[in-house]
N, C-alpha and C. Protein backbone atom coordinates (compact mmCIF):
# COMPACT_ATOMS: atom_id res chain seq x y z
N UNK A 1 -3.28 11.45 6.87
CA UNK A 1 -3.15 10.66 8.02
C UNK A 1 -2.77 9.22 7.60
N UNK A 2 -1.83 8.55 8.37
CA UNK A 2 -1.47 7.20 8.07
C UNK A 2 -2.65 6.29 8.04
N UNK A 3 -2.63 5.26 7.24
CA UNK A 3 -3.75 4.33 7.17
C UNK A 3 -3.92 3.57 8.53
N UNK A 4 -2.81 3.38 9.23
CA UNK A 4 -2.88 2.49 10.41
C UNK A 4 -3.31 3.37 11.65
N UNK A 5 -3.43 4.71 11.50
CA UNK A 5 -3.85 5.54 12.65
C UNK A 5 -5.36 5.43 12.88
N UNK A 6 -5.69 5.20 14.18
CA UNK A 6 -7.12 5.19 14.54
C UNK A 6 -7.24 6.25 15.65
N UNK A 7 -8.12 7.16 15.41
CA UNK A 7 -8.43 8.18 16.42
C UNK A 7 -9.11 7.55 17.67
N UNK A 8 -8.58 7.94 18.82
CA UNK A 8 -9.12 7.45 20.10
C UNK A 8 -9.39 8.63 21.01
N UNK A 9 -9.91 8.33 22.18
CA UNK A 9 -10.21 9.42 23.14
C UNK A 9 -9.09 10.17 23.61
N UNK A 10 -7.86 9.56 23.57
CA UNK A 10 -6.63 10.19 24.04
C UNK A 10 -5.67 10.63 22.96
N UNK A 11 -5.91 10.08 21.73
CA UNK A 11 -5.05 10.43 20.64
C UNK A 11 -5.98 11.04 19.54
N UNK A 12 -5.85 12.37 19.39
CA UNK A 12 -6.76 13.10 18.51
C UNK A 12 -6.22 13.21 17.08
N UNK A 13 -4.91 12.96 16.82
CA UNK A 13 -4.31 13.12 15.55
C UNK A 13 -3.05 12.24 15.39
N UNK A 14 -2.69 11.89 14.14
CA UNK A 14 -1.49 11.18 13.92
C UNK A 14 -0.27 12.05 14.23
N UNK A 15 -0.42 13.32 14.15
CA UNK A 15 0.68 14.24 14.48
C UNK A 15 1.03 14.10 15.95
N UNK A 16 0.01 14.04 16.85
CA UNK A 16 0.24 13.90 18.31
C UNK A 16 0.88 12.56 18.57
N UNK A 17 0.45 11.52 17.93
CA UNK A 17 1.04 10.22 18.08
C UNK A 17 2.54 10.25 17.71
N UNK A 18 2.89 10.89 16.69
CA UNK A 18 4.27 10.98 16.30
C UNK A 18 5.11 11.74 17.26
N UNK A 19 4.61 12.86 17.71
CA UNK A 19 5.34 13.67 18.72
C UNK A 19 5.59 13.01 20.02
N UNK A 20 4.48 12.35 20.57
CA UNK A 20 4.64 11.64 21.83
C UNK A 20 5.53 10.40 21.69
N UNK A 21 5.38 9.67 20.59
CA UNK A 21 6.17 8.49 20.37
C UNK A 21 7.69 8.85 20.21
N UNK A 22 7.91 9.95 19.55
CA UNK A 22 9.34 10.36 19.39
C UNK A 22 10.00 10.67 20.72
N UNK A 23 9.25 11.35 21.57
CA UNK A 23 9.82 11.61 22.94
C UNK A 23 9.99 10.33 23.71
N UNK A 24 9.03 9.41 23.66
CA UNK A 24 9.16 8.18 24.32
C UNK A 24 10.28 7.27 23.74
N UNK A 25 10.49 7.34 22.46
CA UNK A 25 11.56 6.57 21.85
C UNK A 25 12.91 7.05 22.40
N UNK A 26 13.07 8.36 22.55
CA UNK A 26 14.31 8.95 23.08
C UNK A 26 14.52 8.43 24.54
N UNK A 27 13.43 8.34 25.29
CA UNK A 27 13.58 7.80 26.69
C UNK A 27 14.03 6.33 26.67
N UNK A 28 13.44 5.56 25.74
CA UNK A 28 13.83 4.18 25.65
C UNK A 28 15.31 4.01 25.23
N UNK A 29 15.72 4.83 24.31
CA UNK A 29 17.18 4.78 23.83
C UNK A 29 18.11 5.14 24.95
N UNK A 30 17.58 5.98 25.91
CA UNK A 30 18.50 6.37 27.06
C UNK A 30 18.36 5.48 28.22
N UNK A 31 17.66 4.33 28.04
CA UNK A 31 17.64 3.29 29.09
C UNK A 31 16.35 3.09 29.82
N UNK A 32 15.24 3.81 29.51
CA UNK A 32 13.99 3.60 30.13
C UNK A 32 13.57 2.16 29.95
N UNK A 33 12.72 1.69 30.91
CA UNK A 33 12.22 0.29 30.87
C UNK A 33 11.00 0.31 29.94
N UNK A 34 10.90 -0.55 29.00
CA UNK A 34 9.74 -0.62 28.14
C UNK A 34 8.49 -1.01 28.93
N UNK A 35 7.38 -0.48 28.53
CA UNK A 35 6.18 -0.77 29.21
C UNK A 35 5.31 -1.95 28.64
N UNK A 36 5.87 -2.44 27.45
CA UNK A 36 5.32 -3.65 26.74
C UNK A 36 6.51 -4.57 26.47
N UNK A 37 6.23 -5.74 26.02
CA UNK A 37 7.26 -6.69 25.66
C UNK A 37 7.88 -6.22 24.34
N UNK A 38 9.13 -5.78 24.36
CA UNK A 38 9.77 -5.27 23.16
C UNK A 38 10.07 -6.31 22.09
N UNK A 39 10.26 -7.50 22.47
CA UNK A 39 10.66 -8.48 21.41
C UNK A 39 11.97 -8.04 20.77
N UNK A 40 12.02 -8.11 19.48
CA UNK A 40 13.16 -7.71 18.75
C UNK A 40 12.94 -6.37 18.01
N UNK A 41 11.94 -5.60 18.45
CA UNK A 41 11.57 -4.39 17.74
C UNK A 41 12.44 -3.26 18.19
N UNK A 42 12.59 -2.23 17.34
CA UNK A 42 13.39 -1.11 17.56
C UNK A 42 12.65 -0.19 18.55
N UNK A 43 13.38 0.75 19.17
CA UNK A 43 12.75 1.65 20.23
C UNK A 43 11.65 2.42 19.62
N UNK A 44 11.70 2.82 18.35
CA UNK A 44 10.62 3.68 17.72
C UNK A 44 9.32 2.81 17.63
N UNK A 45 9.43 1.62 17.19
CA UNK A 45 8.23 0.73 17.06
C UNK A 45 7.62 0.45 18.45
N UNK A 46 8.50 0.21 19.41
CA UNK A 46 7.96 -0.01 20.80
C UNK A 46 7.24 1.22 21.31
N UNK A 47 7.87 2.43 21.07
CA UNK A 47 7.27 3.64 21.57
C UNK A 47 5.91 3.89 20.95
N UNK A 48 5.73 3.68 19.67
CA UNK A 48 4.45 3.83 18.90
C UNK A 48 3.47 2.91 19.51
N UNK A 49 3.85 1.62 19.80
CA UNK A 49 2.87 0.68 20.33
C UNK A 49 2.49 1.10 21.74
N UNK A 50 3.41 1.54 22.44
CA UNK A 50 3.10 1.99 23.88
C UNK A 50 2.17 3.13 23.92
N UNK A 51 2.32 4.05 23.02
CA UNK A 51 1.44 5.23 22.97
C UNK A 51 0.06 4.83 22.46
N UNK A 52 -0.01 4.03 21.44
CA UNK A 52 -1.27 3.54 20.88
C UNK A 52 -2.04 2.71 21.90
N UNK A 53 -1.35 1.93 22.77
CA UNK A 53 -1.96 1.11 23.78
C UNK A 53 -2.20 1.90 25.11
N UNK A 54 -2.01 3.17 25.05
CA UNK A 54 -2.20 4.09 26.30
C UNK A 54 -1.38 3.72 27.48
N UNK A 55 -0.11 3.24 27.14
CA UNK A 55 0.83 2.96 28.28
C UNK A 55 1.70 4.23 28.53
N UNK A 56 1.55 5.27 27.71
CA UNK A 56 2.35 6.45 27.98
C UNK A 56 1.33 7.58 28.20
N UNK A 57 1.50 8.25 29.31
CA UNK A 57 0.60 9.35 29.68
C UNK A 57 1.24 10.66 29.17
N UNK A 58 0.39 11.58 28.69
CA UNK A 58 0.91 12.88 28.35
C UNK A 58 -0.15 13.89 28.54
N UNK A 59 0.21 15.12 28.63
CA UNK A 59 -0.66 16.25 28.89
C UNK A 59 -0.61 17.21 27.68
N UNK A 60 -1.74 17.62 27.21
CA UNK A 60 -1.77 18.63 26.14
C UNK A 60 -1.81 20.01 26.78
N UNK A 61 -0.81 20.84 26.58
CA UNK A 61 -0.83 22.21 27.17
C UNK A 61 -1.73 23.06 26.43
N UNK A 62 -2.26 24.04 27.11
CA UNK A 62 -3.27 24.95 26.59
C UNK A 62 -2.87 25.62 25.28
N UNK A 63 -1.62 26.06 25.23
CA UNK A 63 -1.01 26.69 24.02
C UNK A 63 -1.11 25.80 22.82
N UNK A 64 -0.86 24.49 22.95
CA UNK A 64 -0.94 23.54 21.89
C UNK A 64 -2.32 23.50 21.28
N UNK A 65 -3.35 23.55 22.07
CA UNK A 65 -4.73 23.46 21.53
C UNK A 65 -5.14 24.73 20.86
N UNK A 66 -4.54 25.83 21.21
CA UNK A 66 -4.93 27.08 20.54
C UNK A 66 -4.18 27.38 19.27
N UNK A 67 -3.23 26.48 18.90
CA UNK A 67 -2.54 26.62 17.67
C UNK A 67 -1.02 26.90 17.75
N UNK A 68 -0.47 26.82 18.97
CA UNK A 68 1.00 26.92 19.09
C UNK A 68 1.51 28.29 19.50
N UNK A 69 2.70 28.54 19.04
CA UNK A 69 3.42 29.79 19.45
C UNK A 69 2.75 31.01 18.85
N UNK A 70 2.99 32.09 19.55
CA UNK A 70 2.39 33.41 19.07
C UNK A 70 3.52 34.18 18.52
């Protein structure tokens, strides 16, 4: 796990942070409005900060919790 990752009530793993932030980064690259002040940071950095600060909502589907595809 990355040293800067801190488990929270909505982020249970660094893996989930990466997956959600990657999807959010694509949205930002396609023109979505940032939910935090982006400054001069790249879309990936902005997306990670948005997810860590709970500005991005996501739903964990039942299959994901059981271990993925069958």
